Amino acid sequence: MEIGFQTDIPTYSGGLGVLAGDTLKSAADLGLPVVAVSLLYNKGYFRQHLR
């Protein structure tokens, strides 16, 4: 799952990550017990080239 909380933490690549982050923030504001799991790569997202 990609989660966008802050732009300087590279845990998302697009709009769906920002949407997931907003959903988690809303759940926290409502006091809902929610757990999210994501990956955090040391250098951000990797690039893959296919030939």
Protein backbone atom coordinates (compact mmCIF):
# COMPACT_ATOMS: atom_id res chain seq x y z
CA MET A 1 0.00 0.00 0.00
CA GLU A 2 1.36 3.41 -0.85
CA ILE A 3 0.58 6.14 1.65
CA GLY A 4 1.19 9.84 1.09
CA PHE A 5 1.56 11.72 4.37
CA GLN A 6 4.38 14.14 3.55
CA THR A 7 6.03 15.05 0.27
CA ASP A 8 9.54 14.60 1.69
CA ILE A 9 8.88 10.96 2.67
CA PRO A 10 8.84 8.90 -0.57
CA THR A 11 6.14 6.35 0.28
CA TYR A 12 3.81 7.14 -2.61
CA SER A 13 4.02 7.76 -6.33
CA GLY A 14 0.69 9.35 -7.19
CA GLY A 15 -2.82 10.35 -6.27
CA LEU A 16 -3.90 7.02 -4.81
CA GLY A 17 -1.21 7.27 -2.15
CA VAL A 18 -2.43 10.73 -1.18
CA LEU A 19 -5.99 9.39 -1.04
CA ALA A 20 -4.87 6.53 1.23
CA GLY A 21 -3.06 9.01 3.48
CA ASP A 22 -6.17 11.21 3.70
CA THR A 23 -8.30 8.17 4.53
CA LEU A 24 -5.94 7.18 7.36
CA LYS A 25 -5.81 10.74 8.71
CA SER A 26 -9.63 10.87 8.71
CA ALA A 27 -9.83 7.54 10.52
CA ALA A 28 -7.41 8.86 13.15
CA ASP A 29 -9.47 12.05 13.55
CA LEU A 30 -12.57 9.90 14.14
CA GLY A 31 -10.72 7.75 16.67
CA LEU A 32 -11.10 4.57 14.62
CA PRO A 33 -8.64 1.75 15.30
CA VAL A 34 -6.87 1.44 11.94
CA VAL A 35 -3.52 -0.11 11.01
CA ALA A 36 -1.70 0.62 7.74
CA VAL A 37 1.31 -1.20 6.31
CA SER A 38 3.59 0.22 3.63
CA LEU A 39 7.13 -0.11 2.30
CA LEU A 40 9.77 2.57 2.68
CA TYR A 41 12.70 2.21 0.31
CA ASN A 42 15.95 3.92 1.35
CA LYS A 43 16.19 5.84 -1.93
CA GLY A 44 12.49 6.16 -2.71
CA TYR A 45 10.77 4.32 -5.51
CA PHE A 46 13.01 2.42 -7.89
CA ARG A 47 12.97 2.66 -11.67
CA GLN A 48 12.57 -0.42 -13.79
CA HIS A 49 13.56 -0.49 -17.46
CA LEU A 50 12.34 -3.27 -19.73
CA ARG A 51 13.95 -4.04 -23.06
